[in-house]
Amino acid sequence: GWACDQKNGRGVMCWPTSGETYDGDWVDGKPHGVGTHAWDRVLSDTTDAFNTWFNTHNSYRGQFAAGMRQGYGRFAYANGSTYDGNWYADRKHGDGAYTFEDGSVFVGRFEH
């Protein structure tokens, strides 16, 4: 919904030019509450002779506050790595587990 000319309540917003979507709670025009922010893009690597194309997909599912990742959430990186844990001001902060692309895991405290 809308209130005072800003997004409020539950909803989906898509940014076609950047390949981003946000599906979740909104307060005063910003993600706030629980939601999923995903980036899907097809990129070209023009540095190689074959002009290789590849897809990227990053996503975050979790808590937001005033438009930033804050609270508990899971970030899945395009390379297969994941971070499950706490966030503060869009940064990993507090207890969490980072699973690397090769499957190895770091469990501990993250500080920003």
N, C-alpha and C. Protein backbone atom coordinates (compact mmCIF):
# COMPACT_ATOMS: atom_id res chain seq x y z
N GLY A 1 0.81 -1.19 0.00
CA GLY A 1 0.00 0.00 0.00
C GLY A 1 0.86 1.25 0.00
N TRP A 2 0.18 2.33 0.02
CA TRP A 2 0.82 3.64 0.03
C TRP A 2 0.28 4.46 1.19
N ALA A 3 1.14 5.26 1.79
CA ALA A 3 0.74 6.22 2.82
C ALA A 3 1.67 7.41 2.70
N CYS A 4 1.11 8.59 2.66
CA CYS A 4 1.91 9.82 2.55
C CYS A 4 2.85 9.76 1.35
N ASP A 5 2.36 9.25 0.22
CA ASP A 5 3.12 9.15 -1.03
C ASP A 5 4.36 8.26 -0.93
N GLN A 6 4.35 7.29 -0.01
CA GLN A 6 5.47 6.36 0.11
C GLN A 6 4.96 4.93 0.25
N LYS A 7 5.79 3.97 -0.18
CA LYS A 7 5.43 2.56 -0.06
C LYS A 7 5.35 2.18 1.41
N ASN A 8 4.25 1.54 1.80
CA ASN A 8 4.06 1.04 3.16
C ASN A 8 3.27 -0.25 3.09
N GLY A 9 3.63 -1.23 3.91
CA GLY A 9 2.96 -2.52 3.90
C GLY A 9 3.79 -3.53 3.13
N ARG A 10 3.12 -4.55 2.63
CA ARG A 10 3.80 -5.62 1.90
C ARG A 10 3.72 -5.36 0.40
N GLY A 11 4.82 -5.60 -0.32
CA GLY A 11 4.79 -5.38 -1.76
C GLY A 11 6.07 -5.80 -2.45
N VAL A 12 6.03 -5.72 -3.77
CA VAL A 12 7.16 -6.10 -4.61
C VAL A 12 7.56 -4.91 -5.47
N MET A 13 8.86 -4.68 -5.57
CA MET A 13 9.36 -3.65 -6.47
C MET A 13 10.45 -4.27 -7.34
N CYS A 14 10.41 -3.95 -8.63
CA CYS A 14 11.40 -4.46 -9.58
C CYS A 14 12.13 -3.29 -10.22
N TRP A 15 13.43 -3.45 -10.39
CA TRP A 15 14.27 -2.48 -11.10
C TRP A 15 14.80 -3.19 -12.33
N PRO A 16 14.10 -3.12 -13.45
CA PRO A 16 14.49 -3.91 -14.65
C PRO A 16 15.89 -3.60 -15.17
N THR A 17 16.33 -2.36 -15.11
CA THR A 17 17.64 -2.03 -15.67
C THR A 17 18.79 -2.63 -14.87
N SER A 18 18.59 -2.83 -13.56
CA SER A 18 19.66 -3.41 -12.75
C SER A 18 19.41 -4.88 -12.44
N GLY A 19 18.24 -5.41 -12.80
CA GLY A 19 17.93 -6.80 -12.53
C GLY A 19 17.59 -7.10 -11.09
N GLU A 20 17.23 -6.08 -10.33
CA GLU A 20 16.94 -6.26 -8.91
C GLU A 20 15.45 -6.36 -8.64
N THR A 21 15.13 -7.10 -7.58
CA THR A 21 13.76 -7.13 -7.07
C THR A 21 13.81 -7.13 -5.55
N TYR A 22 12.79 -6.55 -4.96
CA TYR A 22 12.60 -6.64 -3.51
C TYR A 22 11.16 -7.04 -3.28
N ASP A 23 10.98 -8.09 -2.51
CA ASP A 23 9.66 -8.60 -2.16
C ASP A 23 9.60 -8.69 -0.65
N GLY A 24 8.81 -7.80 -0.05
CA GLY A 24 8.76 -7.82 1.40
C GLY A 24 8.02 -6.64 1.98
N ASP A 25 8.35 -6.36 3.21
CA ASP A 25 7.71 -5.29 3.98
C ASP A 25 8.38 -3.95 3.69
N TRP A 26 7.54 -2.91 3.67
CA TRP A 26 7.99 -1.54 3.43
C TRP A 26 7.46 -0.63 4.53
N VAL A 27 8.27 0.35 4.93
CA VAL A 27 7.84 1.41 5.83
C VAL A 27 8.49 2.70 5.34
N ASP A 28 7.68 3.70 5.11
CA ASP A 28 8.15 5.01 4.65
C ASP A 28 9.02 4.92 3.40
N GLY A 29 8.63 4.04 2.46
CA GLY A 29 9.32 3.94 1.18
C GLY A 29 10.59 3.12 1.19
N LYS A 30 10.94 2.48 2.33
CA LYS A 30 12.17 1.69 2.42
C LYS A 30 11.85 0.28 2.90
N PRO A 31 12.65 -0.71 2.47
CA PRO A 31 12.48 -2.05 3.02
C PRO A 31 12.65 -2.02 4.53
N HIS A 32 11.68 -2.58 5.23
CA HIS A 32 11.71 -2.56 6.70
C HIS A 32 10.83 -3.70 7.19
N GLY A 33 11.42 -4.64 7.91
CA GLY A 33 10.72 -5.85 8.33
C GLY A 33 11.42 -7.04 7.70
N VAL A 34 10.66 -7.94 7.11
CA VAL A 34 11.23 -9.14 6.50
C VAL A 34 11.01 -9.08 4.99
N GLY A 35 12.04 -9.46 4.24
CA GLY A 35 11.91 -9.46 2.79
C GLY A 35 13.04 -10.18 2.10
N THR A 36 12.94 -10.23 0.77
CA THR A 36 13.97 -10.83 -0.08
C THR A 36 14.40 -9.81 -1.12
N HIS A 37 15.70 -9.55 -1.18
CA HIS A 37 16.28 -8.66 -2.17
C HIS A 37 17.18 -9.52 -3.05
N ALA A 38 16.90 -9.55 -4.34
CA ALA A 38 17.67 -10.39 -5.26
C ALA A 38 18.20 -9.57 -6.43
N TRP A 39 19.37 -9.97 -6.91
CA TRP A 39 20.00 -9.35 -8.08
C TRP A 39 20.23 -10.44 -9.10
N ASP A 40 19.62 -10.32 -10.25
CA ASP A 40 19.81 -11.26 -11.35
C ASP A 40 20.29 -10.48 -12.56
N ARG A 41 21.47 -10.79 -13.03
CA ARG A 41 22.02 -10.07 -14.18
C ARG A 41 22.74 -11.02 -15.12
N VAL A 42 22.72 -10.71 -16.37
CA VAL A 42 23.55 -11.41 -17.35
C VAL A 42 24.66 -10.44 -17.70
N LEU A 43 25.89 -10.89 -17.49
CA LEU A 43 27.05 -10.03 -17.73
C LEU A 43 27.91 -10.59 -18.84
N SER A 44 28.67 -9.72 -19.43
CA SER A 44 29.59 -10.12 -20.50
C SER A 44 31.01 -9.83 -20.05
N ASP A 45 31.88 -10.80 -20.25
CA ASP A 45 33.30 -10.60 -19.97
C ASP A 45 33.99 -10.31 -21.30
N THR A 46 34.18 -9.06 -21.60
CA THR A 46 34.78 -8.67 -22.88
C THR A 46 36.30 -8.70 -22.83
N THR A 47 36.86 -9.14 -21.69
CA THR A 47 38.32 -9.19 -21.59
C THR A 47 38.90 -10.45 -22.21
N ASP A 48 38.04 -11.45 -22.47
CA ASP A 48 38.57 -12.65 -23.11
C ASP A 48 38.22 -12.66 -24.61
N ALA A 49 38.89 -13.51 -25.34
CA ALA A 49 38.72 -13.55 -26.79
C ALA A 49 37.36 -14.09 -27.21
N PHE A 50 36.65 -14.77 -26.29
CA PHE A 50 35.39 -15.40 -26.64
C PHE A 50 34.16 -14.58 -26.25
N ASN A 51 34.38 -13.42 -25.62
CA ASN A 51 33.27 -12.57 -25.17
C ASN A 51 32.24 -13.40 -24.39
N THR A 52 32.69 -14.05 -23.33
CA THR A 52 31.89 -14.96 -22.54
C THR A 52 30.75 -14.25 -21.81
N TRP A 53 29.56 -14.88 -21.84
CA TRP A 53 28.40 -14.38 -21.10
C TRP A 53 28.16 -15.28 -19.91
N PHE A 54 27.79 -14.69 -18.78
CA PHE A 54 27.48 -15.50 -17.61
C PHE A 54 26.40 -14.80 -16.78
N ASN A 55 25.66 -15.61 -16.03
CA ASN A 55 24.61 -15.09 -15.16
C ASN A 55 25.15 -14.89 -13.76
N THR A 56 24.66 -13.86 -13.09
CA THR A 56 24.98 -13.68 -11.69
C THR A 56 23.66 -13.68 -10.92
N HIS A 57 23.69 -14.23 -9.75
CA HIS A 57 22.50 -14.20 -8.90
C HIS A 57 22.97 -14.10 -7.46
N ASN A 58 22.67 -12.99 -6.84
CA ASN A 58 22.88 -12.80 -5.41
C ASN A 58 21.52 -12.58 -4.79
N SER A 59 21.34 -13.06 -3.57
CA SER A 59 20.07 -12.80 -2.90
C SER A 59 20.27 -12.73 -1.40
N TYR A 60 19.42 -11.94 -0.78
CA TYR A 60 19.39 -11.82 0.67
C TYR A 60 17.95 -12.02 1.12
N ARG A 61 17.75 -12.90 2.08
CA ARG A 61 16.44 -13.11 2.67
C ARG A 61 16.58 -12.93 4.17
N GLY A 62 15.86 -11.96 4.70
CA GLY A 62 15.98 -11.73 6.13
C GLY A 62 15.36 -10.43 6.56
N GLN A 63 15.91 -9.90 7.63
CA GLN A 63 15.37 -8.69 8.24
C GLN A 63 16.03 -7.44 7.67
N PHE A 64 15.20 -6.40 7.56
CA PHE A 64 15.64 -5.08 7.10
C PHE A 64 15.20 -4.03 8.11
N ALA A 65 15.96 -2.95 8.19
CA ALA A 65 15.57 -1.79 8.99
C ALA A 65 15.98 -0.54 8.23
N ALA A 66 15.03 0.32 7.94
CA ALA A 66 15.28 1.59 7.25
C ALA A 66 16.06 1.39 5.94
N GLY A 67 15.74 0.32 5.20
CA GLY A 67 16.35 0.09 3.89
C GLY A 67 17.65 -0.69 3.91
N MET A 68 18.13 -1.10 5.09
CA MET A 68 19.40 -1.82 5.19
C MET A 68 19.20 -3.21 5.76
N ARG A 69 20.11 -4.14 5.41
CA ARG A 69 20.11 -5.45 6.04
C ARG A 69 20.44 -5.24 7.51
N GLN A 70 19.55 -5.68 8.37
CA GLN A 70 19.77 -5.51 9.80
C GLN A 70 18.95 -6.53 10.56
N GLY A 71 19.61 -7.27 11.46
CA GLY A 71 18.98 -8.38 12.16
C GLY A 71 19.51 -9.67 11.57
N TYR A 72 18.69 -10.71 11.56
CA TYR A 72 19.13 -12.01 11.05
C TYR A 72 18.77 -12.16 9.58
N GLY A 73 19.69 -12.74 8.80
CA GLY A 73 19.41 -12.99 7.39
C GLY A 73 20.41 -13.93 6.75
N ARG A 74 20.06 -14.36 5.55
CA ARG A 74 20.91 -15.26 4.77
C ARG A 74 21.21 -14.61 3.42
N PHE A 75 22.49 -14.48 3.11
CA PHE A 75 22.94 -13.93 1.84
C PHE A 75 23.53 -15.08 1.03
N ALA A 76 23.02 -15.28 -0.17
CA ALA A 76 23.55 -16.30 -1.08
C ALA A 76 24.27 -15.58 -2.22
N TYR A 77 25.55 -15.85 -2.37
CA TYR A 77 26.38 -15.19 -3.37
C TYR A 77 26.36 -15.95 -4.68
N ALA A 78 26.61 -15.27 -5.76
CA ALA A 78 26.61 -15.86 -7.10
C ALA A 78 27.62 -17.00 -7.23
N ASN A 79 28.70 -16.96 -6.48
CA ASN A 79 29.73 -18.00 -6.59
C ASN A 79 29.40 -19.26 -5.79
N GLY A 80 28.25 -19.27 -5.09
CA GLY A 80 27.85 -20.43 -4.31
C GLY A 80 28.10 -20.30 -2.82
N SER A 81 28.84 -19.29 -2.41
CA SER A 81 29.07 -19.05 -0.99
C SER A 81 27.79 -18.53 -0.34
N THR A 82 27.68 -18.74 0.98
CA THR A 82 26.53 -18.20 1.72
C THR A 82 26.99 -17.66 3.06
N TYR A 83 26.21 -16.73 3.57
CA TYR A 83 26.40 -16.24 4.94
C TYR A 83 25.05 -16.29 5.63
N ASP A 84 25.00 -17.00 6.74
CA ASP A 84 23.81 -17.07 7.59
C ASP A 84 24.19 -16.45 8.92
N GLY A 85 23.53 -15.36 9.27
CA GLY A 85 23.86 -14.76 10.55
C GLY A 85 23.30 -13.37 10.70
N ASN A 86 23.90 -12.65 11.60
CA ASN A 86 23.42 -11.32 11.97
C ASN A 86 24.07 -10.25 11.11
N TRP A 87 23.28 -9.18 10.91
CA TRP A 87 23.67 -8.04 10.10
C TRP A 87 23.42 -6.76 10.88
N TYR A 88 24.23 -5.75 10.59
CA TYR A 88 24.00 -4.41 11.13
C TYR A 88 24.42 -3.41 10.06
N ALA A 89 23.52 -2.53 9.68
CA ALA A 89 23.82 -1.46 8.71
C ALA A 89 24.42 -2.03 7.42
N ASP A 90 23.80 -3.09 6.87
CA ASP A 90 24.22 -3.72 5.60
C ASP A 90 25.53 -4.50 5.68
N ARG A 91 26.05 -4.74 6.87
CA ARG A 91 27.31 -5.47 7.01
C ARG A 91 27.13 -6.68 7.93
N LYS A 92 27.89 -7.73 7.67
CA LYS A 92 27.90 -8.88 8.57
C LYS A 92 28.37 -8.37 9.93
N HIS A 93 27.62 -8.69 10.99
CA HIS A 93 27.99 -8.19 12.31
C HIS A 93 27.34 -9.07 13.37
N GLY A 94 28.17 -9.67 14.21
CA GLY A 94 27.68 -10.56 15.25
C GLY A 94 27.92 -12.01 14.85
N ASP A 95 27.17 -12.92 15.44
CA ASP A 95 27.36 -14.34 15.20
C ASP A 95 26.86 -14.73 13.81
N GLY A 96 27.63 -15.59 13.15
CA GLY A 96 27.23 -16.04 11.83
C GLY A 96 28.09 -17.18 11.32
N ALA A 97 27.66 -17.73 10.20
CA ALA A 97 28.41 -18.82 9.54
C ALA A 97 28.56 -18.47 8.07
N TYR A 98 29.81 -18.46 7.61
CA TYR A 98 30.11 -18.21 6.20
C TYR A 98 30.56 -19.52 5.58
N THR A 99 29.81 -19.99 4.59
CA THR A 99 30.16 -21.21 3.87
C THR A 99 30.82 -20.80 2.55
N PHE A 100 32.05 -21.21 2.38
CA PHE A 100 32.81 -20.85 1.19
C PHE A 100 32.38 -21.70 0.00
N GLU A 101 32.78 -21.26 -1.15
CA GLU A 101 32.47 -21.92 -2.42
C GLU A 101 32.90 -23.39 -2.42
N ASP A 102 34.00 -23.69 -1.73
CA ASP A 102 34.51 -25.07 -1.69
C ASP A 102 33.84 -25.93 -0.63
N GLY A 103 32.90 -25.35 0.13
CA GLY A 103 32.19 -26.09 1.15
C GLY A 103 32.73 -25.93 2.56
N SER A 104 33.92 -25.35 2.70
CA SER A 104 34.46 -25.13 4.04
C SER A 104 33.64 -24.03 4.72
N VAL A 105 33.60 -24.08 6.05
CA VAL A 105 32.72 -23.19 6.82
C VAL A 105 33.51 -22.48 7.91
N PHE A 106 33.28 -21.20 8.05
CA PHE A 106 33.77 -20.43 9.19
C PHE A 106 32.57 -20.07 10.04
N VAL A 107 32.60 -20.47 11.30
CA VAL A 107 31.54 -20.11 12.24
C VAL A 107 32.18 -19.24 13.31
N GLY A 108 31.60 -18.08 13.54
CA GLY A 108 32.18 -17.21 14.54
C GLY A 108 31.51 -15.86 14.58
N ARG A 109 32.26 -14.90 15.11
CA ARG A 109 31.75 -13.55 15.29
C ARG A 109 32.32 -12.66 14.20
N PHE A 110 31.45 -11.88 13.59
CA PHE A 110 31.85 -10.93 12.55
C PHE A 110 31.73 -9.52 13.10
N GLU A 111 32.72 -8.70 12.85
CA GLU A 111 32.72 -7.30 13.28
C GLU A 111 32.92 -6.42 12.06
N HIS A 112 32.29 -5.27 12.08
CA HIS A 112 32.54 -4.34 10.97
C HIS A 112 33.19 -3.09 11.47
